[in-house]
Each structure stands twice: as C-alpha cells, then as structure tokens.
C-alpha cells in the first residue's frame, strides 16, 4: 500500500513537472524551433507508416485508447483494483501528454503568421470592400462547378481536389512559410462522421499519425476548404485561424474550380460574420445579392446544420473553446484573426 502511494505521488509529480517544463519551453525560441524541426521528422515517418492505409489508423487508436480508459475507470470504482487503476491512469496521462506536446502541442507557440505581414487597419470599409469582391468571385466560380439534381453544388472528383491541395502547398509564399511539403496523400474519411455531423466538427488533424480526417457527410460547399484547412495542419500550422489562412492561400490560387469556389465562399462567409454586428443591413444586402446557385448552396448548408443541431454541438463548441484558450488562443473570438490576416495580406497583394 505504501509502495503504491509513493508510485502515485511520483507519477503525479512527473505530470506537474511536465506542465512546468513545457510551459518554460513555450517561452524559449530555440526550444520551439527544435520542436518545429522534430515535427518535420515525425510527420514524414508517420506518413510513410500510415498514409497508404485506406482507413484512419488514428481513429482506430482513439477507439482503442477510449476502451482502455473506460476499462481503467471501471477498475477505479472497484476497491480491490482502485490503487493500481489510479496509478495506471497517471502513467497513461504522463505518456499521452508527453507525446502530444513533442508531436504537436509546442507548435502552438511558433512565430505567428501575423508578424510576417505588414500592419494594417482592419476597418469596416476594407472588410466591406473585400466582401463585395469575394461575392463576385464566388458568383463567377460557382457557375463553373457541377450540381446535383436539386441544383446544389456537387463535388465531381474529391481525389483531384486532394492532389491539387498538395500541389498548391508547394506554391505558398516564401515570406509566409518555408515549411517542407511533399506529395504524400494522407487525407482520410473519419470513422466518426456520424458523430462529427452532430458536433459541428468538420475535420481534424491527428498528431499521432499525421492523418487529416474529414467528415464525408459535409455539404460539398464545406468539404474542399475543410481539406485545405486540415492539410495546413499537416504542414505544421497548429493555430486554427492560421490553418484557415493557409487553406485560403491554397484554395484561392487554385485552378481547381471546386476548391476555388469552396475557398471563396468560405472567405465571403467569414467576412460577413465579421461585419454583421457592425452593419447588419449590409450583410442582408449581400445575402440578397447571392446568385441563385449560391442561395441553393446556402439553404443546403442551413438544412444540414438544422438537422444536426443538439446537445453534442453545444458541448463540443464549449470544449473546443476551452481547448483554444488553453493553448493561448482566444477561444471563439479567434475567428476574427483570419480576417486580420486576410486584410493584411490583401494590402500587399491586390489580386
């Protein structure tokens, strides 16, 4: 009993020491740079190991890990096995936290993209001008994509979008990033797509396998940009809104009309979301000026959302907000950060 007590204290102390150690690392530029370089090595190894497998190995690992945790929790409620169960939980937490931090967590402390862009006033007028610009872009590109029998945008070839994303990664501006790119396709349909539809999660990156999971049930207007966003995580951009910005750079310069439309439409919606609390009348006017095709896509998105709203959506929105804050982001407020990056980038690139 005494030996078990000392073991539990030891592992609890190790966990606290890890918290402190990685906090210190997050403040040291050379340490963060070390983890950036380590990410490139482990990503290549993981992609070579897992990319060729047609289903998500990361999801399988999550399932097995979840079953193991439930097993330990059950043992925790039994008097005879309680001490060993608590000890094993502490060991698992230590190992998981350590692997997560060295593979992914420290990337949240990289030099922000915003520091690589010129300062610019993010005025309402600039955002309105961009919204009008992207309205016209989206209307024009929308006419070039295919529709289903209900006149809603339909993806013709998802694999060609994935290949295009990998090609566009190589064309990202050097002053934004010099991260290493490759042609390894590690996009995977999530095994949890039904659950994802009820959580508001469009996709996610698995740092333990370097796979980019996506929800195949998503409306086509969401899906291409979701892939571009998750591919940005694969490049090593941990912050959500920086992944959006890199996804924007990938999609907006693409010759693939499906990816381009999804990106332009996402950008337009993001701009309107940033404007609505300041000028609701302007936003309503823009929505009225959507093309008939875009209006059908918008109704399809609203239908998808309304069919999948519920407690899970609220819960995952709350937990995601906590996660962002724990990584020194501003929770849901960080959605304005993408607009900040966009406006600054457009100030030096007028295309």
Protein backbone atom coordinates (compact mmCIF):
# COMPACT_ATOMS: atom_id res chain seq x y z
CA UNK A 1 0.00 0.00 0.00
CA UNK A 2 2.79 2.41 0.96
CA UNK A 3 4.77 1.48 -2.16
CA UNK A 4 1.74 2.15 -4.34
CA UNK A 5 1.19 5.52 -2.66
CA UNK A 6 4.77 6.57 -3.40
CA UNK A 7 4.43 5.48 -7.03
CA UNK A 8 1.27 7.57 -7.44
CA UNK A 9 2.99 10.58 -5.89
CA UNK A 10 5.94 10.06 -8.23
CA UNK A 11 3.83 9.99 -11.40
CA UNK A 12 1.68 12.90 -10.24
CA UNK A 13 4.90 14.84 -9.62
CA UNK A 14 6.21 13.92 -13.09
CA UNK A 15 2.98 15.22 -14.65
CA UNK A 16 3.27 18.54 -12.80
CA UNK A 17 6.94 18.74 -13.81
CA UNK A 18 5.93 18.23 -17.44
CA UNK A 19 3.40 21.06 -17.24
CA UNK A 20 6.12 23.36 -15.91
CA UNK A 21 8.79 22.14 -18.34
CA UNK A 22 6.68 22.59 -21.49
CA UNK A 23 5.49 25.97 -20.23
CA UNK A 24 9.14 27.04 -19.98
CA UNK A 25 9.87 25.56 -23.42
CA UNK A 26 6.98 27.59 -24.88
CA UNK A 27 8.77 30.79 -23.84
CA UNK A 28 12.13 29.82 -25.39
CA UNK A 29 12.54 30.48 -29.12
CA UNK A 30 15.28 27.86 -29.63
CA UNK A 31 13.13 25.21 -27.90
CA UNK A 32 10.10 25.95 -30.08
CA UNK A 33 12.36 25.84 -33.16
CA UNK A 34 13.64 22.42 -32.04
CA UNK A 35 10.07 21.08 -31.85
CA UNK A 36 9.29 22.55 -35.29
CA UNK A 37 12.19 20.56 -36.75
CA UNK A 38 11.16 17.47 -34.80
CA UNK A 39 7.65 17.80 -36.27
CA UNK A 40 9.03 17.57 -39.80
CA UNK A 41 10.85 14.32 -38.97
CA UNK A 42 7.98 12.61 -37.14
CA UNK A 43 5.46 13.72 -39.79
CA UNK A 44 7.46 12.06 -42.56
CA UNK A 45 7.82 8.86 -40.55
CA UNK A 46 4.13 8.77 -39.66
CA UNK A 47 3.02 9.42 -43.23
CA UNK A 48 5.26 6.65 -44.55
CA UNK A 49 3.81 4.30 -41.95
CA UNK A 50 0.13 5.21 -42.19
CA UNK A 51 -0.71 7.19 -45.37
CA UNK A 52 -1.02 4.10 -47.60
CA UNK A 53 -3.67 2.50 -45.34
CA UNK A 54 -7.15 3.30 -46.75
CA UNK A 55 -8.80 3.94 -43.38
CA UNK A 56 -7.88 6.16 -40.45
CA UNK A 57 -5.36 4.44 -38.18
CA UNK A 58 -5.55 7.46 -35.87
CA UNK A 59 -9.27 6.86 -35.32
CA UNK A 60 -8.61 3.20 -34.54
CA UNK A 61 -6.00 4.30 -31.98
CA UNK A 62 -8.52 6.72 -30.44
CA UNK A 63 -11.13 3.94 -30.16
CA UNK A 64 -8.68 1.53 -28.53
CA UNK A 65 -7.43 4.27 -26.23
CA UNK A 66 -11.01 5.12 -25.25
CA UNK A 67 -11.80 1.47 -24.47
CA UNK A 68 -8.64 1.22 -22.36
CA UNK A 69 -9.56 4.38 -20.41
CA UNK A 70 -13.10 3.09 -19.75
CA UNK A 71 -11.55 -0.18 -18.52
CA UNK A 72 -9.29 1.74 -16.11
CA UNK A 73 -12.16 3.91 -14.88
CA UNK A 74 -14.28 0.82 -14.17
CA UNK A 75 -11.37 -0.63 -12.18
CA UNK A 76 -11.13 2.69 -10.33
CA UNK A 77 -14.57 2.08 -8.80
CA UNK A 78 -13.62 -1.35 -7.50
CA UNK A 79 -11.96 -1.34 -4.11
CA UNK A 80 -9.53 -4.19 -4.86
CA UNK A 81 -8.19 -2.64 -8.07
CA UNK A 82 -8.56 1.09 -7.25
CA UNK A 83 -4.92 1.78 -6.36
CA UNK A 84 -3.46 0.08 -9.44
CA UNK A 85 -6.08 1.71 -11.68
CA UNK A 86 -5.26 5.20 -10.42
CA UNK A 87 -1.54 4.50 -10.84
CA UNK A 88 -2.09 3.28 -14.41
CA UNK A 89 -4.23 6.33 -15.23
CA UNK A 90 -1.45 8.64 -14.04
CA UNK A 91 1.10 6.75 -16.14
CA UNK A 92 -1.15 6.91 -19.23
CA UNK A 93 -1.74 10.64 -18.72
CA UNK A 94 2.00 11.25 -18.45
CA UNK A 95 2.83 9.31 -21.60
CA UNK A 96 -0.04 10.78 -23.64
CA UNK A 97 0.68 14.36 -22.57
CA UNK A 98 4.40 13.98 -23.31
CA UNK A 99 3.84 12.52 -26.79
CA UNK A 100 1.19 15.13 -27.63
CA UNK A 101 3.42 18.02 -26.61
CA UNK A 102 6.50 16.89 -28.53
CA UNK A 103 4.49 15.94 -31.64
CA UNK A 104 2.07 18.87 -31.74
CA UNK A 105 1.42 20.99 -28.64
CA UNK A 106 4.59 23.06 -28.87
CA UNK A 107 3.71 24.15 -32.43
CA UNK A 108 1.08 26.49 -30.97
CA UNK A 109 3.99 28.69 -29.88
CA UNK A 110 5.59 29.17 -33.29
CA UNK A 111 6.16 32.68 -34.61
CA UNK A 112 2.66 33.90 -35.57
CA UNK A 113 1.98 34.48 -39.27
CA UNK A 114 0.69 37.95 -38.43
CA UNK A 115 4.21 39.06 -37.53
CA UNK A 116 5.26 38.33 -41.14
CA UNK A 117 2.61 40.63 -42.61
CA UNK A 118 2.55 44.44 -42.69
CA UNK A 119 0.47 46.31 -40.17
CA UNK A 120 -2.88 47.45 -41.49
CA UNK A 121 -6.02 48.95 -40.02
CA UNK A 122 -8.77 46.31 -40.13
CA UNK A 123 -11.52 48.79 -40.88
CA UNK A 124 -15.15 48.08 -41.61
CA UNK A 125 -14.81 49.67 -45.03
CA UNK A 126 -11.93 47.38 -46.01
CA UNK A 127 -13.90 44.33 -44.93
CA UNK A 128 -16.95 45.50 -46.86
CA UNK A 129 -14.87 46.05 -49.98
CA UNK A 130 -13.41 42.55 -49.65
CA UNK A 131 -16.87 41.08 -49.09
CA UNK A 132 -18.11 42.68 -52.31
CA UNK A 133 -15.02 41.40 -54.13
CA UNK A 134 -15.45 37.83 -52.89
CA UNK A 135 -19.16 37.91 -53.63
CA UNK A 136 -18.36 38.49 -57.30
CA UNK A 137 -15.55 35.93 -57.28
CA UNK A 138 -17.78 33.26 -55.72
CA UNK A 139 -20.65 34.02 -58.09
CA UNK A 140 -18.38 33.63 -61.11
CA UNK A 141 -16.67 30.45 -59.91
CA UNK A 142 -19.97 28.90 -58.83
CA UNK A 143 -21.11 28.83 -62.46
CA UNK A 144 -18.17 26.56 -63.33
CA UNK A 145 -18.92 23.68 -60.92
CA UNK A 146 -21.38 20.80 -61.19
CA UNK A 147 -24.73 20.47 -59.44
CA UNK A 148 -26.88 17.62 -58.18
CA UNK A 149 -30.50 17.09 -59.22
CA UNK A 150 -31.60 19.78 -56.73
CA UNK A 151 -29.28 22.38 -58.20
CA UNK A 152 -26.85 22.22 -55.24
CA UNK A 153 -23.07 22.27 -55.72
CA UNK A 154 -21.77 18.72 -56.05
CA UNK A 155 -18.13 17.63 -55.95
CA UNK A 156 -17.17 15.74 -59.08
CA UNK A 157 -13.80 14.30 -58.03
CA UNK A 158 -12.59 14.53 -54.42
CA UNK A 159 -9.26 12.85 -55.20
CA UNK A 160 -8.37 15.55 -57.73
CA UNK A 161 -9.04 18.17 -55.03
CA UNK A 162 -6.70 16.36 -52.64
CA UNK A 163 -3.96 16.23 -55.31
CA UNK A 164 -4.46 19.90 -56.10
CA UNK A 165 -4.10 20.85 -52.44
CA UNK A 166 -0.78 19.03 -52.23
CA UNK A 167 0.42 20.83 -55.37
CA UNK A 168 -0.69 24.25 -54.10
CA UNK A 169 1.15 23.70 -50.82
CA UNK A 170 4.38 23.97 -52.82
CA UNK A 171 3.38 27.40 -54.13
CA UNK A 172 2.81 29.13 -50.78
CA UNK A 173 4.62 32.49 -50.49
CA UNK A 174 8.15 32.17 -49.09
CA UNK A 175 7.69 35.17 -46.83
CA UNK A 176 4.76 33.36 -45.16
CA UNK A 177 6.28 29.92 -44.75
CA UNK A 178 9.23 27.74 -45.69
CA UNK A 179 7.75 24.57 -44.24
CA UNK A 180 8.54 21.36 -46.08
CA UNK A 181 5.92 19.97 -48.46
CA UNK A 182 5.53 16.56 -50.06
CA UNK A 183 3.15 14.65 -52.30
CA UNK A 184 2.06 12.12 -49.68
CA UNK A 185 -1.73 11.96 -49.60
CA UNK A 186 -2.83 11.32 -46.03
CA UNK A 187 -6.42 12.57 -46.17
CA UNK A 188 -8.74 10.05 -44.50
CA UNK A 189 -12.53 9.86 -44.07
CA UNK A 190 -13.26 9.90 -40.35
CA UNK A 191 -14.67 6.75 -38.74
CA UNK A 192 -16.73 9.09 -36.54
CA UNK A 193 -18.51 11.00 -39.31
CA UNK A 194 -22.00 10.48 -37.87
CA UNK A 195 -20.88 11.89 -34.53
CA UNK A 196 -18.99 14.73 -36.24
CA UNK A 197 -22.13 15.86 -38.01
CA UNK A 198 -23.75 16.45 -34.62
CA UNK A 199 -20.75 18.21 -33.09
CA UNK A 200 -20.03 20.95 -35.61
CA UNK A 201 -16.58 19.44 -36.25
CA UNK A 202 -15.79 19.49 -39.97
CA UNK A 203 -12.40 17.78 -39.78
CA UNK A 204 -9.42 17.28 -37.51
CA UNK A 205 -5.72 16.52 -37.65
CA UNK A 206 -4.31 13.53 -35.76
CA UNK A 207 -0.83 14.44 -34.45
CA UNK A 208 -0.11 10.82 -33.53
CA UNK A 209 -0.42 9.55 -37.13
CA UNK A 210 -0.18 12.75 -39.26
CA UNK A 211 -3.55 11.95 -40.86
CA UNK A 212 -6.09 14.61 -41.84
CA UNK A 213 -9.58 13.34 -41.10
CA UNK A 214 -12.69 14.82 -42.67
CA UNK A 215 -16.43 14.27 -42.48
CA UNK A 216 -17.75 12.77 -45.72
CA UNK A 217 -21.30 13.80 -44.79
CA UNK A 218 -20.49 17.51 -45.16
CA UNK A 219 -22.20 19.57 -47.85
CA UNK A 220 -19.92 19.92 -50.88
CA UNK A 221 -19.57 23.66 -50.27
CA UNK A 222 -17.78 22.90 -46.98
CA UNK A 223 -15.64 19.95 -47.94
CA UNK A 224 -12.85 21.23 -50.26
CA UNK A 225 -11.91 24.09 -47.95
CA UNK A 226 -12.06 21.73 -44.95
CA UNK A 227 -9.46 19.56 -46.70
CA UNK A 228 -7.28 22.62 -47.40
CA UNK A 229 -7.58 23.63 -43.74
CA UNK A 230 -6.60 20.18 -42.43
CA UNK A 231 -3.72 19.99 -44.91
CA UNK A 232 -2.42 23.21 -43.34
CA UNK A 233 -2.27 21.41 -40.00
CA UNK A 234 -0.30 18.65 -41.76
CA UNK A 235 2.20 21.32 -42.80
CA UNK A 236 2.63 22.23 -39.13
CA UNK A 237 0.30 25.19 -38.62
CA UNK A 238 -1.32 24.42 -35.27
CA UNK A 239 -3.38 27.59 -34.70
CA UNK A 240 -6.85 27.17 -36.15
CA UNK A 241 -7.12 30.56 -37.82
CA UNK A 242 -3.63 30.33 -39.29
CA UNK A 243 -4.67 26.98 -40.77
CA UNK A 244 -7.68 28.80 -42.24
CA UNK A 245 -5.39 31.42 -43.74
CA UNK A 246 -3.00 28.85 -45.24
CA UNK A 247 -6.06 26.96 -46.52
CA UNK A 248 -7.22 30.23 -48.07
CA UNK A 249 -3.85 30.70 -49.84
CA UNK A 250 -4.03 27.12 -51.12
CA UNK A 251 -7.59 27.43 -52.39
CA UNK A 252 -7.74 30.98 -53.72
CA UNK A 253 -4.85 30.40 -56.13
CA UNK A 254 -6.10 27.01 -57.29
CA UNK A 255 -7.13 26.17 -60.84
CA UNK A 256 -9.50 23.52 -59.45
CA UNK A 257 -12.88 25.27 -59.58
CA UNK A 258 -14.41 23.15 -56.79
CA UNK A 259 -11.62 24.02 -54.36
CA UNK A 260 -11.58 27.63 -55.51
CA UNK A 261 -15.33 28.08 -55.07
CA UNK A 262 -15.37 26.47 -51.61
CA UNK A 263 -12.50 28.76 -50.55
CA UNK A 264 -14.05 31.92 -51.97
CA UNK A 265 -17.39 31.06 -50.39
CA UNK A 266 -15.74 30.40 -47.00
CA UNK A 267 -13.88 33.70 -47.23
CA UNK A 268 -17.08 35.58 -48.07
CA UNK A 269 -18.95 34.00 -45.14
CA UNK A 270 -16.07 34.81 -42.78
CA UNK A 271 -16.09 38.44 -43.90
CA UNK A 272 -19.85 38.70 -43.46
CA UNK A 273 -19.58 37.18 -39.97
CA UNK A 274 -17.03 39.85 -39.08
CA UNK A 275 -19.35 42.61 -40.35
CA UNK A 276 -22.81 41.56 -39.17
CA UNK A 277 -22.62 43.06 -35.67
CA UNK A 278 -21.46 46.39 -37.09
CA UNK A 279 -23.68 46.64 -40.17
CA UNK A 280 -26.44 44.03 -40.34
CA UNK A 281 -28.13 45.82 -43.24
CA UNK A 282 -25.01 45.45 -45.41
CA UNK A 283 -24.84 41.71 -44.71
CA UNK A 284 -28.51 41.23 -45.58
CA UNK A 285 -27.94 43.13 -48.81
CA UNK A 286 -25.02 40.86 -49.73
CA UNK A 287 -27.07 37.73 -48.97
CA UNK A 288 -29.82 39.07 -51.24
CA UNK A 289 -27.22 39.53 -53.98
CA UNK A 290 -26.10 35.90 -53.85
CA UNK A 291 -26.62 34.18 -57.19
CA UNK A 292 -29.47 31.68 -57.35
CA UNK A 293 -26.90 28.89 -57.29
CA UNK A 294 -25.24 30.26 -54.15
CA UNK A 295 -28.60 30.68 -52.47
CA UNK A 296 -29.31 26.99 -53.05
CA UNK A 297 -25.93 26.10 -51.54
CA UNK A 298 -26.65 28.32 -48.53
CA UNK A 299 -30.03 26.68 -47.97
CA UNK A 300 -28.38 23.27 -48.22
CA UNK A 301 -25.85 24.25 -45.54
CA UNK A 302 -28.59 25.61 -43.28
CA UNK A 303 -30.56 22.39 -43.75
CA UNK A 304 -27.51 20.30 -42.80
CA UNK A 305 -26.92 22.40 -39.68
CA UNK A 306 -30.57 22.34 -38.59
CA UNK A 307 -30.70 18.56 -38.99
CA UNK A 308 -27.64 18.09 -36.79
CA UNK A 309 -28.12 20.62 -34.00
CA UNK A 310 -28.32 19.42 -30.42
CA UNK A 311 -26.56 18.98 -27.10
CA UNK A 312 -23.47 17.41 -28.69
CA UNK A 313 -22.97 20.51 -30.82
CA UNK A 314 -23.18 22.77 -27.74
CA UNK A 315 -20.87 20.52 -25.73
CA UNK A 316 -18.17 20.29 -28.39
CA UNK A 317 -18.40 24.03 -29.05
CA UNK A 318 -17.79 24.64 -25.33
CA UNK A 319 -14.90 22.15 -25.07
CA UNK A 320 -13.27 23.48 -28.26
CA UNK A 321 -13.44 26.99 -26.80
CA UNK A 322 -11.66 25.77 -23.65
CA UNK A 323 -9.03 23.97 -25.73
CA UNK A 324 -8.23 27.09 -27.76
CA UNK A 325 -7.87 29.15 -24.59
CA UNK A 326 -5.59 26.53 -23.02
CA UNK A 327 -3.24 26.96 -25.99
CA UNK A 328 -3.11 30.74 -25.57
CA UNK A 329 -5.67 31.45 -28.25
CA UNK A 330 -8.79 33.49 -27.62
CA UNK A 331 -11.41 30.80 -27.96
CA UNK A 332 -14.21 31.53 -30.40
CA UNK A 333 -13.00 35.12 -30.72
CA UNK A 334 -10.02 33.88 -32.77
CA UNK A 335 -12.30 33.64 -35.79
CA UNK A 336 -11.54 37.37 -36.32
CA UNK A 337 -7.82 36.53 -36.55
CA UNK A 338 -8.34 35.00 -40.00
CA UNK A 339 -9.89 38.28 -41.16
CA UNK A 340 -6.95 40.19 -39.69
CA UNK A 341 -4.53 38.00 -41.65
CA UNK A 342 -6.64 38.29 -44.80
CA UNK A 343 -6.84 42.10 -44.75
CA UNK A 344 -3.12 42.46 -44.06
CA UNK A 345 -2.26 40.02 -46.85
CA UNK A 346 -4.57 41.76 -49.32
CA UNK A 347 -2.88 45.08 -48.51
CA UNK A 348 0.29 43.75 -50.21
CA UNK A 349 -1.43 41.50 -52.76
CA UNK A 350 -4.16 43.21 -54.73
CA UNK A 351 -5.07 40.20 -56.89
